[in-house]
């Protein structure tokens, strides 16, 4: 399955489960960090990407992508697979787009600098690459 086919299917899944996903988002996000348009903004960005006929690298972090971040101050990198809540497996690097780190990475671009707020503290990172995570399709 191509990444655009996967993303088109994902839009249908989000549409079908919109209220459930919105409830999960609201219940898992601290009040001061909530964005009432979080899911709608994501849907609009994904639709815009799907409307573009140009092939090439994936321009933003979407659900179903692998994001490689480099920790500022050293050359250490870490890969995160941004997934749906039911696919979440933090030990394998699969983080829900509704998790604190997943929310902060969603819709970011390569070379964006992000201050990831985690339970362990704030970590400055730079997004180094965004690729389609085909392994997530197999887990559906």
N, C-alpha and C. Protein backbone atom coordinates (compact mmCIF):
# COMPACT_ATOMS: atom_id res chain seq x y z
N UNK A 1 0.85 -1.18 0.00
CA UNK A 1 0.00 0.00 0.00
C UNK A 1 0.89 1.24 0.00
N UNK A 2 0.57 2.19 -0.84
CA UNK A 2 1.34 3.43 -0.88
C UNK A 2 0.99 4.29 0.33
N UNK A 3 1.88 5.22 0.64
CA UNK A 3 1.60 6.07 1.80
C UNK A 3 0.38 6.95 1.57
N UNK A 4 0.15 7.38 0.34
CA UNK A 4 -1.04 8.22 0.09
C UNK A 4 -2.33 7.40 0.27
N UNK A 5 -2.31 6.13 -0.13
CA UNK A 5 -3.47 5.26 0.09
C UNK A 5 -3.72 5.07 1.58
N UNK A 6 -2.63 4.86 2.31
CA UNK A 6 -2.73 4.70 3.76
C UNK A 6 -3.33 5.95 4.40
N UNK A 7 -2.82 7.13 3.98
CA UNK A 7 -3.32 8.38 4.56
C UNK A 7 -4.79 8.61 4.20
N UNK A 8 -5.20 8.25 2.99
CA UNK A 8 -6.60 8.39 2.59
C UNK A 8 -7.49 7.49 3.46
N UNK A 9 -7.03 6.27 3.70
CA UNK A 9 -7.76 5.34 4.57
C UNK A 9 -7.83 5.89 6.00
N UNK A 10 -6.72 6.49 6.41
CA UNK A 10 -6.64 7.07 7.75
C UNK A 10 -7.68 8.18 7.93
N UNK A 11 -7.87 9.00 6.90
CA UNK A 11 -8.88 10.05 6.98
C UNK A 11 -10.27 9.47 7.23
N UNK A 12 -10.57 8.37 6.55
CA UNK A 12 -11.86 7.71 6.75
C UNK A 12 -11.98 7.18 8.18
N UNK A 13 -10.91 6.59 8.68
CA UNK A 13 -10.91 6.05 10.03
C UNK A 13 -11.11 7.17 11.05
N UNK A 14 -10.42 8.28 10.86
CA UNK A 14 -10.56 9.41 11.79
C UNK A 14 -11.99 9.96 11.72
N UNK A 15 -12.52 10.07 10.52
CA UNK A 15 -13.89 10.58 10.36
C UNK A 15 -14.89 9.67 11.07
N UNK A 16 -14.73 8.37 10.89
CA UNK A 16 -15.63 7.39 11.52
C UNK A 16 -15.53 7.43 13.04
N UNK A 17 -14.33 7.65 13.55
CA UNK A 17 -14.08 7.60 15.00
C UNK A 17 -13.80 8.98 15.60
N UNK A 18 -14.26 10.03 14.93
CA UNK A 18 -13.91 11.40 15.32
C UNK A 18 -14.24 11.69 16.79
N UNK A 19 -15.46 11.40 17.22
CA UNK A 19 -15.86 11.73 18.59
C UNK A 19 -15.04 10.95 19.62
N UNK A 20 -14.79 9.67 19.34
CA UNK A 20 -13.98 8.86 20.26
C UNK A 20 -12.57 9.41 20.36
N UNK A 21 -11.95 9.75 19.20
CA UNK A 21 -10.59 10.29 19.20
C UNK A 21 -10.55 11.65 19.89
N UNK A 22 -11.57 12.46 19.67
CA UNK A 22 -11.62 13.77 20.31
C UNK A 22 -11.71 13.60 21.83
N UNK A 23 -12.53 12.66 22.28
CA UNK A 23 -12.65 12.40 23.72
C UNK A 23 -11.32 11.92 24.30
N UNK A 24 -10.65 11.02 23.58
CA UNK A 24 -9.33 10.54 24.03
C UNK A 24 -8.35 11.70 24.11
N UNK A 25 -8.36 12.56 23.10
CA UNK A 25 -7.47 13.73 23.10
C UNK A 25 -7.74 14.61 24.31
N UNK A 26 -9.01 14.94 24.54
CA UNK A 26 -9.36 15.82 25.65
C UNK A 26 -9.01 15.21 27.00
N UNK A 27 -9.21 13.90 27.14
CA UNK A 27 -8.93 13.25 28.42
C UNK A 27 -7.44 13.03 28.66
N UNK A 28 -6.64 13.03 27.59
CA UNK A 28 -5.21 12.76 27.76
C UNK A 28 -4.34 14.02 27.68
N UNK A 29 -4.97 15.17 27.47
CA UNK A 29 -4.21 16.40 27.29
C UNK A 29 -4.50 17.36 28.44
N UNK A 30 -3.45 17.85 29.10
CA UNK A 30 -3.68 18.84 30.17
C UNK A 30 -4.45 20.05 29.63
N UNK A 31 -5.28 20.61 30.46
CA UNK A 31 -6.16 21.71 30.06
C UNK A 31 -5.41 22.85 29.36
N UNK A 32 -4.26 23.24 29.90
CA UNK A 32 -3.53 24.38 29.33
C UNK A 32 -2.92 24.07 27.96
N UNK A 33 -2.82 22.79 27.60
CA UNK A 33 -2.25 22.40 26.31
C UNK A 33 -3.30 22.06 25.26
N UNK A 34 -4.55 22.07 25.64
CA UNK A 34 -5.61 21.65 24.71
C UNK A 34 -5.83 22.65 23.58
N UNK A 35 -6.07 22.10 22.42
CA UNK A 35 -6.41 22.89 21.24
C UNK A 35 -7.72 22.30 20.72
N UNK A 36 -8.79 23.07 20.80
CA UNK A 36 -10.10 22.56 20.40
C UNK A 36 -10.15 22.13 18.94
N UNK A 37 -9.24 22.65 18.13
CA UNK A 37 -9.21 22.31 16.70
C UNK A 37 -8.13 21.31 16.35
N UNK A 38 -7.59 20.61 17.35
CA UNK A 38 -6.47 19.69 17.14
C UNK A 38 -6.73 18.69 16.01
N UNK A 39 -7.82 17.93 16.11
CA UNK A 39 -8.11 16.92 15.09
C UNK A 39 -8.49 17.55 13.76
N UNK A 40 -9.26 18.62 13.80
CA UNK A 40 -9.65 19.29 12.55
C UNK A 40 -8.44 19.85 11.83
N UNK A 41 -7.50 20.43 12.57
CA UNK A 41 -6.27 20.95 11.96
C UNK A 41 -5.49 19.83 11.31
N UNK A 42 -5.40 18.69 12.01
CA UNK A 42 -4.68 17.55 11.45
C UNK A 42 -5.35 17.08 10.16
N UNK A 43 -6.66 16.94 10.18
CA UNK A 43 -7.41 16.49 9.00
C UNK A 43 -7.17 17.44 7.83
N UNK A 44 -7.23 18.74 8.08
CA UNK A 44 -7.02 19.72 7.01
C UNK A 44 -5.62 19.63 6.42
N UNK A 45 -4.61 19.46 7.27
CA UNK A 45 -3.22 19.34 6.79
C UNK A 45 -3.05 18.08 5.95
N UNK A 46 -3.64 16.98 6.42
CA UNK A 46 -3.51 15.72 5.69
C UNK A 46 -4.24 15.79 4.35
N UNK A 47 -5.42 16.39 4.34
CA UNK A 47 -6.16 16.56 3.08
C UNK A 47 -5.35 17.41 2.10
N UNK A 48 -4.74 18.48 2.58
CA UNK A 48 -3.93 19.34 1.71
C UNK A 48 -2.78 18.55 1.10
N UNK A 49 -2.15 17.71 1.91
CA UNK A 49 -1.05 16.89 1.40
C UNK A 49 -1.55 15.91 0.34
N UNK A 50 -2.68 15.29 0.59
CA UNK A 50 -3.22 14.31 -0.36
C UNK A 50 -3.64 14.97 -1.68
N UNK A 51 -4.01 16.24 -1.64
CA UNK A 51 -4.42 16.95 -2.85
C UNK A 51 -3.24 17.32 -3.75
N UNK A 52 -2.04 17.30 -3.21
CA UNK A 52 -0.85 17.65 -3.99
C UNK A 52 -0.45 16.46 -4.85
N UNK A 53 -0.23 16.70 -6.12
CA UNK A 53 0.13 15.62 -7.05
C UNK A 53 1.63 15.30 -7.04
N UNK A 54 2.42 16.16 -6.46
CA UNK A 54 3.88 15.99 -6.48
C UNK A 54 4.27 14.84 -5.56
N UNK A 55 5.14 13.97 -6.06
CA UNK A 55 5.66 12.92 -5.20
C UNK A 55 6.99 13.39 -4.64
N UNK A 56 7.38 12.84 -3.56
CA UNK A 56 8.63 13.24 -2.92
C UNK A 56 8.53 12.94 -1.45
N UNK A 57 9.42 13.54 -0.67
CA UNK A 57 9.41 13.25 0.76
C UNK A 57 8.12 13.74 1.42
N UNK A 58 7.76 13.08 2.48
CA UNK A 58 6.59 13.48 3.26
C UNK A 58 6.96 14.78 3.99
N UNK A 59 6.19 15.85 3.79
CA UNK A 59 6.60 17.16 4.29
C UNK A 59 6.39 17.39 5.79
N UNK A 60 5.49 16.64 6.40
CA UNK A 60 5.18 16.87 7.81
C UNK A 60 5.00 15.54 8.52
N UNK A 61 5.05 15.61 9.83
CA UNK A 61 4.82 14.42 10.65
C UNK A 61 3.32 14.15 10.66
N UNK A 62 2.95 13.00 10.10
CA UNK A 62 1.57 12.54 10.11
C UNK A 62 1.51 11.22 10.88
N UNK A 63 0.32 10.79 11.25
CA UNK A 63 0.14 9.47 11.82
C UNK A 63 0.56 8.48 10.74
N UNK A 64 1.42 7.53 11.09
CA UNK A 64 1.91 6.57 10.11
C UNK A 64 3.30 6.91 9.59
N UNK A 65 3.96 7.88 10.23
CA UNK A 65 5.31 8.22 9.81
C UNK A 65 6.32 7.88 10.90
N UNK A 66 7.54 7.69 10.44
CA UNK A 66 8.68 7.52 11.35
C UNK A 66 9.40 8.86 11.39
N UNK A 67 9.62 9.36 12.58
CA UNK A 67 10.29 10.65 12.77
C UNK A 67 11.62 10.39 13.45
N UNK A 68 12.70 10.85 12.84
CA UNK A 68 14.01 10.76 13.47
C UNK A 68 14.35 12.13 14.03
N UNK A 69 14.61 12.17 15.33
CA UNK A 69 14.98 13.42 15.98
C UNK A 69 16.41 13.31 16.48
N UNK A 70 17.12 14.44 16.45
CA UNK A 70 18.47 14.50 17.01
C UNK A 70 18.41 15.39 18.25
N UNK A 71 18.97 14.89 19.32
CA UNK A 71 18.99 15.65 20.57
C UNK A 71 20.03 16.74 20.45
N UNK A 72 19.62 17.97 20.73
CA UNK A 72 20.54 19.10 20.63
C UNK A 72 21.66 18.94 21.65
N UNK A 73 22.86 19.30 21.24
CA UNK A 73 24.01 19.20 22.12
C UNK A 73 24.80 17.92 21.95
N UNK A 74 24.26 16.94 21.25
CA UNK A 74 25.02 15.73 20.94
C UNK A 74 24.50 15.16 19.63
N UNK A 75 25.10 14.08 19.19
CA UNK A 75 24.71 13.50 17.90
C UNK A 75 23.76 12.32 18.06
N UNK A 76 23.22 12.13 19.26
CA UNK A 76 22.30 11.01 19.48
C UNK A 76 20.97 11.27 18.77
N UNK A 77 20.48 10.21 18.13
CA UNK A 77 19.17 10.31 17.48
C UNK A 77 18.24 9.26 18.05
N UNK A 78 16.97 9.49 17.85
CA UNK A 78 15.96 8.50 18.25
C UNK A 78 14.85 8.53 17.22
N UNK A 79 14.33 7.34 16.93
CA UNK A 79 13.21 7.22 15.99
C UNK A 79 11.92 7.04 16.78
N UNK A 80 10.90 7.75 16.33
CA UNK A 80 9.56 7.60 16.89
C UNK A 80 8.62 7.25 15.74
N UNK A 81 7.80 6.26 15.94
CA UNK A 81 6.76 5.90 14.98
C UNK A 81 5.46 6.48 15.52
N UNK A 82 4.89 7.42 14.79
CA UNK A 82 3.66 8.07 15.23
C UNK A 82 2.48 7.21 14.77
N UNK A 83 1.68 6.76 15.73
CA UNK A 83 0.65 5.78 15.40
C UNK A 83 -0.69 6.15 16.03
N UNK A 84 -1.67 5.34 15.72
CA UNK A 84 -2.99 5.44 16.34
C UNK A 84 -2.90 4.89 17.76
N UNK A 85 -3.79 5.30 18.66
CA UNK A 85 -3.71 4.85 20.05
C UNK A 85 -3.65 3.33 20.22
N UNK A 86 -4.40 2.59 19.41
CA UNK A 86 -4.44 1.12 19.57
C UNK A 86 -3.13 0.45 19.13
N UNK A 87 -2.29 1.16 18.37
CA UNK A 87 -1.02 0.61 17.91
C UNK A 87 0.14 0.97 18.83
N UNK A 88 -0.13 1.76 19.84
CA UNK A 88 0.93 2.28 20.70
C UNK A 88 1.72 1.17 21.39
N UNK A 89 3.05 1.28 21.31
CA UNK A 89 3.98 0.37 21.97
C UNK A 89 5.27 1.15 22.23
N UNK A 90 5.29 1.93 23.31
CA UNK A 90 6.45 2.80 23.56
C UNK A 90 7.79 2.06 23.59
N UNK A 91 7.81 0.81 24.06
CA UNK A 91 9.06 0.06 24.09
C UNK A 91 9.62 -0.18 22.69
N UNK A 92 8.74 -0.23 21.69
CA UNK A 92 9.16 -0.43 20.30
C UNK A 92 9.27 0.91 19.55
N UNK A 93 9.10 2.02 20.29
CA UNK A 93 9.20 3.33 19.66
C UNK A 93 7.92 3.79 18.99
N UNK A 94 6.83 3.02 19.15
CA UNK A 94 5.54 3.40 18.55
C UNK A 94 4.76 4.22 19.57
N UNK A 95 4.60 5.51 19.27
CA UNK A 95 3.91 6.38 20.21
C UNK A 95 2.64 6.93 19.58
N UNK A 96 1.61 6.95 20.36
CA UNK A 96 0.32 7.46 19.89
C UNK A 96 0.44 8.94 19.56
N UNK A 97 -0.28 9.36 18.55
CA UNK A 97 -0.31 10.78 18.22
C UNK A 97 -0.98 11.59 19.32
N UNK A 98 -1.67 10.91 20.24
CA UNK A 98 -2.31 11.57 21.37
C UNK A 98 -1.42 11.62 22.61
N UNK A 99 -0.27 10.94 22.58
CA UNK A 99 0.66 10.97 23.71
C UNK A 99 1.31 12.35 23.78
N UNK A 100 1.89 12.70 24.93
CA UNK A 100 2.54 14.01 25.02
C UNK A 100 3.59 14.26 23.94
N UNK A 101 4.46 13.30 23.69
CA UNK A 101 5.50 13.47 22.66
C UNK A 101 4.88 13.44 21.27
N UNK A 102 3.95 12.52 21.04
CA UNK A 102 3.29 12.43 19.74
C UNK A 102 2.58 13.72 19.36
N UNK A 103 1.87 14.32 20.33
CA UNK A 103 1.18 15.59 20.07
C UNK A 103 2.16 16.70 19.69
N UNK A 104 3.32 16.70 20.34
CA UNK A 104 4.30 17.75 20.09
C UNK A 104 5.01 17.59 18.75
N UNK A 105 5.09 16.36 18.25
CA UNK A 105 5.77 16.12 16.97
C UNK A 105 4.82 16.22 15.78
N UNK A 106 3.54 15.94 16.00
CA UNK A 106 2.57 15.92 14.91
C UNK A 106 2.57 17.25 14.14
N UNK A 107 2.61 17.14 12.82
CA UNK A 107 2.57 18.26 11.87
C UNK A 107 3.84 19.11 11.85
N UNK A 108 4.90 18.64 12.51
CA UNK A 108 6.19 19.34 12.43
C UNK A 108 6.87 18.96 11.12
N UNK A 109 7.91 19.74 10.75
CA UNK A 109 8.64 19.53 9.50
C UNK A 109 10.10 19.23 9.78
N UNK A 110 10.79 18.68 8.77
CA UNK A 110 12.23 18.45 8.87
C UNK A 110 12.91 19.78 9.18
N UNK A 111 13.89 19.72 10.05
CA UNK A 111 14.68 20.86 10.53
C UNK A 111 13.95 21.73 11.55
N UNK A 112 12.71 21.38 11.91
CA UNK A 112 12.05 22.11 12.99
C UNK A 112 12.76 21.80 14.30
N UNK A 113 12.93 22.82 15.11
CA UNK A 113 13.47 22.66 16.46
C UNK A 113 12.28 22.59 17.40
N UNK A 114 12.27 21.56 18.24
CA UNK A 114 11.14 21.32 19.13
C UNK A 114 11.67 21.13 20.54
N UNK A 115 11.04 21.77 21.50
CA UNK A 115 11.37 21.53 22.89
C UNK A 115 10.35 20.52 23.40
N UNK A 116 10.76 19.24 23.44
CA UNK A 116 9.85 18.17 23.87
C UNK A 116 9.71 18.20 25.38
N UNK A 117 8.51 18.41 25.84
CA UNK A 117 8.24 18.37 27.27
C UNK A 117 7.85 16.95 27.63
N UNK A 118 8.67 16.32 28.45
CA UNK A 118 8.45 14.93 28.86
C UNK A 118 8.42 14.86 30.38
N UNK A 119 7.97 13.73 30.94
CA UNK A 119 8.01 13.59 32.39
C UNK A 119 9.43 13.73 32.96
N UNK A 120 10.44 13.43 32.13
CA UNK A 120 11.83 13.53 32.58
C UNK A 120 12.38 14.95 32.44
N UNK A 121 11.59 15.86 31.88
CA UNK A 121 12.04 17.23 31.68
C UNK A 121 11.93 17.64 30.23
N UNK A 122 12.42 18.82 29.93
CA UNK A 122 12.35 19.35 28.57
C UNK A 122 13.60 18.96 27.79
N UNK A 123 13.40 18.45 26.59
CA UNK A 123 14.50 18.01 25.73
C UNK A 123 14.45 18.75 24.41
N UNK A 124 15.47 19.58 24.12
CA UNK A 124 15.49 20.23 22.81
C UNK A 124 15.95 19.25 21.74
N UNK A 125 15.16 19.12 20.68
CA UNK A 125 15.48 18.21 19.58
C UNK A 125 15.27 18.93 18.25
N UNK A 126 15.90 18.36 17.22
CA UNK A 126 15.69 18.82 15.85
C UNK A 126 15.19 17.65 15.03
N UNK A 127 14.16 17.87 14.24
CA UNK A 127 13.64 16.80 13.39
C UNK A 127 14.57 16.64 12.20
N UNK A 128 15.13 15.44 12.05
CA UNK A 128 16.10 15.17 11.00
C UNK A 128 15.48 14.51 9.77
N UNK A 129 14.49 13.66 9.97
CA UNK A 129 13.85 13.02 8.81
C UNK A 129 12.45 12.57 9.16
N UNK A 130 11.63 12.48 8.11
CA UNK A 130 10.25 11.99 8.23
C UNK A 130 10.05 11.02 7.08
N UNK A 131 9.71 9.78 7.40
CA UNK A 131 9.47 8.77 6.36
C UNK A 131 8.19 8.01 6.66
N UNK A 132 7.68 7.34 5.65
CA UNK A 132 6.49 6.52 5.81
C UNK A 132 6.86 5.27 6.59
N UNK A 133 6.10 4.95 7.62
CA UNK A 133 6.38 3.80 8.49
C UNK A 133 5.55 2.61 8.05
N UNK A 134 6.03 1.90 7.04
CA UNK A 134 5.27 0.77 6.50
C UNK A 134 4.98 -0.30 7.54
N UNK A 135 5.85 -0.43 8.53
CA UNK A 135 5.64 -1.47 9.55
C UNK A 135 4.36 -1.23 10.35
N UNK A 136 3.89 0.01 10.41
CA UNK A 136 2.64 0.28 11.14
C UNK A 136 1.43 -0.28 10.41
N UNK A 137 1.49 -0.36 9.10
CA UNK A 137 0.38 -0.91 8.32
C UNK A 137 0.17 -2.37 8.69
N UNK A 138 1.26 -3.08 8.92
CA UNK A 138 1.17 -4.50 9.24
C UNK A 138 0.54 -4.74 10.60
N UNK A 139 0.56 -3.72 11.47
CA UNK A 139 0.03 -3.87 12.82
C UNK A 139 -1.45 -3.56 12.94
N UNK A 140 -2.09 -3.13 11.87
CA UNK A 140 -3.48 -2.66 11.97
C UNK A 140 -4.41 -3.74 12.41
